[in-house]
Protein backbone atom coordinates (compact mmCIF):
# COMPACT_ATOMS: atom_id res chain seq x y z
CA MET A 1 144.66 -108.37 -43.42
CA ALA A 2 141.18 -108.43 -44.96
CA ASP A 3 139.91 -105.41 -46.82
CA ALA A 4 137.62 -103.15 -44.84
CA ASP A 5 133.94 -102.88 -45.67
CA PRO A 6 133.47 -99.93 -48.11
CA ARG A 7 130.54 -98.69 -46.02
CA ALA A 8 132.74 -98.67 -42.94
CA LEU A 9 135.42 -96.74 -44.81
CA ASP A 10 132.89 -94.08 -45.82
CA ALA A 11 132.01 -93.69 -42.14
CA ILE A 12 135.57 -92.81 -41.05
CA PHE A 13 134.71 -89.17 -41.73
CA VAL A 14 131.89 -89.22 -39.16
CA PRO A 15 133.33 -87.50 -36.04
CA ALA A 16 131.41 -89.78 -33.65
CA GLN A 17 133.19 -92.83 -35.11
CA ILE A 18 136.67 -91.54 -34.17
CA ALA A 19 137.77 -92.81 -30.75
CA PRO A 20 141.30 -91.53 -30.01
CA ALA A 21 143.75 -93.71 -28.10
CA TYR A 22 146.66 -92.25 -26.15
CA GLN A 23 150.13 -93.73 -25.78
CA PRO A 24 152.15 -92.47 -22.81
CA VAL A 25 155.24 -90.30 -23.15
CA VAL A 26 157.60 -90.85 -20.23
CA ASP A 27 160.39 -88.91 -18.56
CA LEU A 28 163.24 -91.43 -18.85
CA THR A 29 165.00 -90.15 -15.73
CA ALA A 30 162.09 -89.79 -13.35
CA GLY A 31 160.03 -92.62 -14.81
CA GLN A 32 156.93 -90.41 -14.80
CA VAL A 33 154.34 -90.02 -17.51
CA ILE A 34 154.45 -86.40 -18.67
CA GLY A 35 152.01 -86.67 -21.55
CA ALA A 36 150.73 -88.83 -24.36
CA GLU A 37 150.54 -89.06 -28.12
CA ALA A 38 147.01 -89.07 -29.54
CA LEU A 39 146.39 -91.84 -32.08
CA ALA A 40 143.28 -92.09 -34.27
CA ARG A 41 141.22 -95.26 -33.94
CA TRP A 42 137.89 -96.51 -35.38
CA PRO A 43 136.98 -99.46 -33.10
CA ARG A 44 133.30 -99.54 -34.01
CA LEU A 45 134.06 -99.73 -37.73
CA ALA A 46 136.73 -102.46 -37.64
CA VAL A 47 138.93 -100.20 -39.76
CA THR A 48 142.67 -99.93 -39.09
CA PRO A 49 144.47 -96.57 -39.16
CA ASP A 50 146.42 -97.65 -42.26
CA GLN A 51 143.19 -98.52 -44.06
CA ALA A 52 141.51 -95.28 -43.00
CA PHE A 53 144.29 -92.95 -44.10
CA ALA A 54 144.91 -94.87 -47.34
CA TYR A 55 141.21 -94.53 -48.15
CA ALA A 56 141.32 -90.79 -47.41
CA ARG A 57 144.39 -90.32 -49.62
CA ALA A 58 142.77 -92.20 -52.49
CA ARG A 59 139.81 -89.82 -52.31
CA ARG A 60 141.94 -86.69 -51.82
CA ARG A 61 140.46 -86.18 -48.36
CA SER A 62 143.59 -86.59 -46.23
CA ALA A 63 143.33 -83.04 -44.93
CA ASP A 64 139.67 -83.54 -43.95
CA LEU A 65 140.41 -86.73 -42.05
CA ASP A 66 143.47 -85.33 -40.30
CA ALA A 67 141.54 -82.27 -39.13
CA LEU A 68 138.78 -84.50 -37.77
CA CYS A 69 141.35 -86.60 -35.91
CA GLN A 70 142.97 -83.48 -34.45
CA ARG A 71 139.62 -82.22 -33.16
CA ALA A 72 138.75 -85.61 -31.72
CA ALA A 73 142.09 -85.82 -29.91
CA LEU A 74 141.68 -82.38 -28.36
CA HIS A 75 138.03 -82.88 -27.41
CA SER A 76 138.59 -86.28 -25.82
CA ALA A 77 141.68 -85.16 -23.89
CA ALA A 78 140.00 -81.99 -22.66
CA GLY A 79 137.34 -84.11 -21.01
CA ALA A 80 139.81 -86.40 -19.24
CA THR A 81 141.28 -86.03 -15.77
CA VAL A 82 144.93 -85.13 -16.31
CA PRO A 83 147.29 -82.61 -14.65
CA ASP A 84 147.56 -79.08 -16.01
CA SER A 85 151.15 -79.82 -17.02
CA PHE A 86 150.10 -82.72 -19.25
CA ASP A 87 151.58 -82.63 -22.78
CA LEU A 88 149.33 -83.76 -25.60
CA PHE A 89 151.25 -84.74 -28.75
CA VAL A 90 149.02 -84.57 -31.85
CA ASN A 91 150.05 -85.69 -35.33
CA VAL A 92 149.75 -83.20 -38.18
CA ALA A 93 149.92 -84.58 -41.72
CA PRO A 94 151.97 -82.55 -44.24
CA ASP A 95 148.93 -81.52 -46.31
CA ALA A 96 146.39 -81.18 -43.52
CA GLY A 97 146.79 -77.66 -42.21
CA VAL A 98 146.69 -76.67 -38.56
CA ASP A 99 143.39 -74.84 -38.10
CA ALA A 100 141.91 -77.58 -35.95
CA LEU A 101 144.97 -77.82 -33.74
CA VAL A 102 145.20 -74.13 -32.93
CA ALA A 103 141.65 -74.21 -31.54
CA THR A 104 141.17 -73.85 -27.79
CA SER A 105 142.74 -76.79 -25.99
CA GLY A 106 141.97 -75.94 -22.39
CA SER A 107 144.78 -76.29 -19.87
CA LEU A 108 146.66 -78.91 -21.87
CA GLN A 109 150.00 -78.07 -23.40
CA VAL A 110 149.63 -79.18 -27.02
CA VAL A 111 152.64 -80.26 -29.06
CA ALA A 112 152.24 -80.72 -32.83
CA ASP A 113 154.02 -83.77 -34.25
CA LEU A 114 155.36 -82.71 -37.66
CA SER A 115 157.47 -84.59 -40.19
CA ALA A 116 160.59 -83.00 -41.66
CA ARG A 117 159.75 -84.76 -44.92
CA ALA A 118 157.23 -82.00 -45.59
CA LEU A 119 160.19 -79.71 -46.31
CA ASP A 120 160.70 -81.49 -49.62
CA THR A 121 157.15 -80.91 -50.86
CA ASP A 122 156.01 -77.57 -49.45
CA PRO A 123 158.67 -75.74 -47.43
CA GLU A 124 156.82 -72.40 -47.47
CA GLY A 125 153.60 -73.99 -46.24
CA PHE A 126 155.53 -75.92 -43.60
CA LEU A 127 157.10 -72.75 -42.22
CA ALA A 128 153.74 -70.99 -42.25
CA ASP A 129 152.19 -73.84 -40.28
CA VAL A 130 155.00 -73.72 -37.72
CA ALA A 131 154.58 -69.96 -37.31
CA GLN A 132 150.80 -70.28 -36.86
CA LEU A 133 151.17 -73.03 -34.29
CA ARG A 134 153.74 -71.08 -32.30
CA SER A 135 151.53 -67.97 -32.34
CA ARG A 136 148.88 -70.00 -30.50
CA GLY A 137 151.28 -71.44 -27.93
CA VAL A 138 151.46 -74.89 -29.55
CA GLY A 139 154.81 -76.67 -29.25
CA ILE A 140 156.65 -78.19 -32.21
CA SER A 141 157.87 -81.79 -32.32
CA LEU A 142 159.86 -82.74 -35.42
CA GLY A 143 160.38 -86.28 -36.67
CA HIS A 144 162.09 -87.88 -39.68
CA VAL A 145 165.19 -85.73 -39.38
CA ASP A 146 168.02 -87.32 -41.32
CA ALA A 147 171.64 -86.54 -42.08
CA SER A 148 171.38 -88.08 -45.56
CA ASP A 149 168.59 -85.88 -46.93
CA GLY A 150 169.64 -82.60 -45.34
CA THR A 151 166.78 -82.08 -42.90
CA LEU A 152 169.24 -81.80 -40.01
CA ALA A 153 170.56 -78.62 -41.59
CA PHE A 154 167.23 -76.91 -41.05
CA LEU A 155 166.89 -77.55 -37.32
CA PRO A 156 168.14 -74.02 -36.49
CA PHE A 157 165.51 -72.48 -38.76
CA LEU A 158 162.56 -74.51 -37.52
CA ALA A 159 163.71 -74.51 -33.87
CA PRO A 160 161.57 -77.49 -32.81
CA ASP A 161 160.94 -77.86 -29.10
CA VAL A 162 161.20 -81.66 -29.42
CA VAL A 163 163.23 -83.77 -31.85
CA ARG A 164 161.97 -87.32 -32.24
CA ILE A 165 164.35 -90.22 -32.89
CA ASN A 166 162.88 -93.50 -34.09
CA LEU A 167 164.86 -96.37 -32.58
CA ALA A 168 163.86 -98.91 -35.22
CA ALA A 169 165.02 -96.61 -38.02
CA LEU A 170 168.21 -95.83 -36.13
CA LEU A 171 169.07 -99.52 -35.76
CA ARG A 172 168.78 -99.99 -39.53
CA ARG A 173 171.61 -97.54 -40.13
CA ASN A 174 175.31 -98.28 -40.15
CA GLY A 175 177.35 -97.01 -37.23
CA HIS A 176 178.67 -93.93 -39.03
CA GLN A 177 175.24 -92.77 -40.18
CA ALA A 178 173.67 -93.37 -36.77
CA GLY A 179 176.49 -91.55 -35.01
CA LYS A 180 176.25 -88.56 -37.34
CA LEU A 181 172.53 -88.26 -36.70
CA LEU A 182 172.80 -88.60 -32.93
CA ASP A 183 175.73 -86.17 -32.69
CA ALA A 184 173.85 -83.54 -34.69
CA VAL A 185 170.66 -83.90 -32.66
CA ALA A 186 172.58 -83.85 -29.37
CA SER A 187 174.44 -80.71 -30.48
CA TYR A 188 171.20 -78.96 -31.39
CA ALA A 189 169.60 -79.92 -28.09
CA SER A 190 172.65 -78.74 -26.14
CA ARG A 191 172.68 -75.34 -27.88
CA THR A 192 168.98 -74.66 -27.62
CA GLY A 193 167.61 -76.58 -24.67
CA ALA A 194 165.36 -78.63 -26.94
CA THR A 195 164.10 -82.02 -25.80
CA VAL A 196 165.04 -85.32 -27.46
CA LEU A 197 162.33 -87.99 -27.52
CA ALA A 198 163.13 -91.62 -28.39
CA GLU A 199 160.14 -93.49 -29.84
CA GLY A 200 159.68 -97.19 -30.42
CA ILE A 201 161.15 -98.31 -27.08
CA GLU A 202 160.12 -101.92 -26.48
CA THR A 203 162.68 -103.19 -23.95
CA GLU A 204 164.49 -102.00 -20.84
CA SER A 205 167.82 -102.14 -22.68
CA GLN A 206 166.43 -99.86 -25.40
CA ALA A 207 165.27 -97.40 -22.76
CA THR A 208 168.77 -97.40 -21.26
CA ALA A 209 170.35 -96.92 -24.69
CA ALA A 210 168.03 -94.01 -25.41
CA THR A 211 169.27 -92.11 -22.36
CA ARG A 212 172.88 -92.72 -23.42
CA PHE A 213 172.42 -90.92 -26.71
CA GLY A 214 170.75 -87.94 -25.05
CA ALA A 215 167.01 -88.67 -25.02
CA THR A 216 165.18 -87.47 -21.94
CA LEU A 217 161.71 -88.62 -23.05
CA GLY A 218 160.66 -92.04 -24.26
CA GLN A 219 157.66 -93.66 -25.88
CA GLY A 220 156.87 -97.24 -26.86
CA TRP A 221 155.30 -100.50 -25.75
CA TRP A 222 157.78 -100.81 -22.88
CA PHE A 223 155.93 -97.94 -21.19
CA GLY A 224 152.43 -98.75 -22.33
CA HIS A 225 150.15 -99.48 -25.24
CA PRO A 226 147.67 -96.93 -26.60
CA GLY A 227 144.53 -96.64 -24.49
CA PRO A 228 142.12 -94.18 -22.90
CA LEU A 229 143.17 -91.28 -20.72
CA PRO A 230 144.53 -91.13 -18.10
CA VAL A 231 147.22 -93.38 -19.55
CA ALA A 232 148.81 -94.30 -16.22
CA VAL A 233 148.38 -93.93 -12.48
CA GLY A 234 150.62 -91.24 -11.06
CA THR A 235 150.69 -89.14 -14.21
CA GLY A 236 152.16 -85.73 -13.53
CA GLY A 237 155.74 -84.98 -14.55
CA SER A 238 156.99 -81.63 -15.79
CA SER A 239 155.85 -80.28 -19.14
CA VAL A 240 158.16 -80.15 -22.13
CA PRO A 241 159.81 -76.69 -22.10
CA LEU A 242 158.87 -74.67 -25.18
CA LEU A 243 161.53 -72.61 -26.90
CA VAL A 244 159.60 -69.37 -26.87
CA GLY A 245 162.28 -66.91 -25.74
CA GLY A 246 162.64 -63.91 -28.05
CA ASP A 247 161.11 -63.37 -31.46
CA HIS A 248 161.05 -66.62 -33.40
CA ALA A 249 161.45 -65.00 -36.82
CA ASP A 250 164.55 -63.18 -35.62
CA ARG A 251 165.98 -66.42 -34.27
CA GLN A 252 165.39 -68.03 -37.66
CA ARG A 253 167.24 -65.26 -39.45
CA ARG A 254 170.11 -65.36 -36.97
CA ALA A 255 170.39 -69.08 -37.60
CA LEU A 256 171.21 -68.33 -41.23
CA ALA A 257 174.37 -66.60 -40.05
CA GLU A 258 175.56 -69.65 -38.10
CA ARG A 259 178.19 -71.34 -40.25
CA ASP A 260 177.69 -74.70 -38.55
CA ALA A 261 173.99 -74.63 -39.44
CA TRP A 262 174.95 -75.68 -42.95
CA ALA A 263 177.60 -78.19 -41.91
CA PRO A 264 175.42 -81.33 -42.29
CA LEU A 265 174.62 -80.44 -45.90
CA PRO A 266 177.25 -78.23 -47.57
CA GLU A 267 176.62 -79.71 -51.00
CA ARG A 268 173.02 -78.44 -51.03
CA ALA A 269 173.71 -74.93 -49.77
CA GLY A 270 172.61 -73.50 -53.10
CA SER A 271 169.73 -75.87 -53.71
CA THR A 272 166.24 -74.81 -54.75
CA LEU A 273 164.87 -76.06 -51.42
CA THR A 274 167.32 -73.89 -49.49
CA GLU A 275 166.56 -70.82 -51.58
CA ARG A 276 162.81 -71.30 -51.11
CA LEU A 277 163.25 -71.66 -47.35
CA ILE A 278 165.34 -68.49 -47.16
CA ALA A 279 162.76 -66.59 -49.20
CA ALA A 280 159.92 -67.91 -47.04
CA MET A 281 161.67 -66.65 -43.91
CA GLY A 282 162.21 -63.22 -45.41
CA ALA A 283 165.98 -63.40 -45.11
CA PRO A 284 168.46 -62.54 -47.87
CA ALA A 285 170.32 -65.41 -49.50
CA ALA A 286 174.01 -65.48 -48.69
């Protein structure tokens, strides 16, 4: 791929140049579109998303660009004709903050797409972001959970409303690793009522497989490519249920007492990451 024009790259920070695209999120059982993921695009600049975000990182402006993309996604979706129950999934980069996302979003139910990898770099900031989003009624979608790096162990603390499973990444694992991940996610969803979303679905057989391992929502080219809203005729399934019952901080602390919460990662129970998470949640270390 050819390098982008430097002048075009400088213009990625101009709000008017950001034209969000939306990829449908589908209820795998009903076959209805229930929402969409907002994806940043710069069609007038001939700049790809990879080029744009790499340029922002190189200039230490990732947070600025992510905030602009969040605002653009909310503004564009608020002006579209979609049902009140429509779920808008918006990506939040680990170092970007959430101020833009907690702004008024109209009647849309907004779900923040977060990466569990942020736990390794700034667990306290990650928890603070989650708490701020929840206080404004924003849902939490968590991706990049993994049995090998211990992020599965923190599902009870973060209590995401949606857990995302990437099919391509899953297929690269051996059977034991894949099974461990799916069993843990299914167990969490069963205990809490959380939703499992399978992303990267490109064929009918993959959609069928996703339902077999417990996913109720799907996303991928099989259902539609990114485009303008509304993403499909007949949009209007049920919103993703948010896990808002009771005080969230209390639920986090109670999760510390669950012995099986540490089962995926017993060898790291005394790690620095774990201690920092416990301190951030205001709970005593065991």
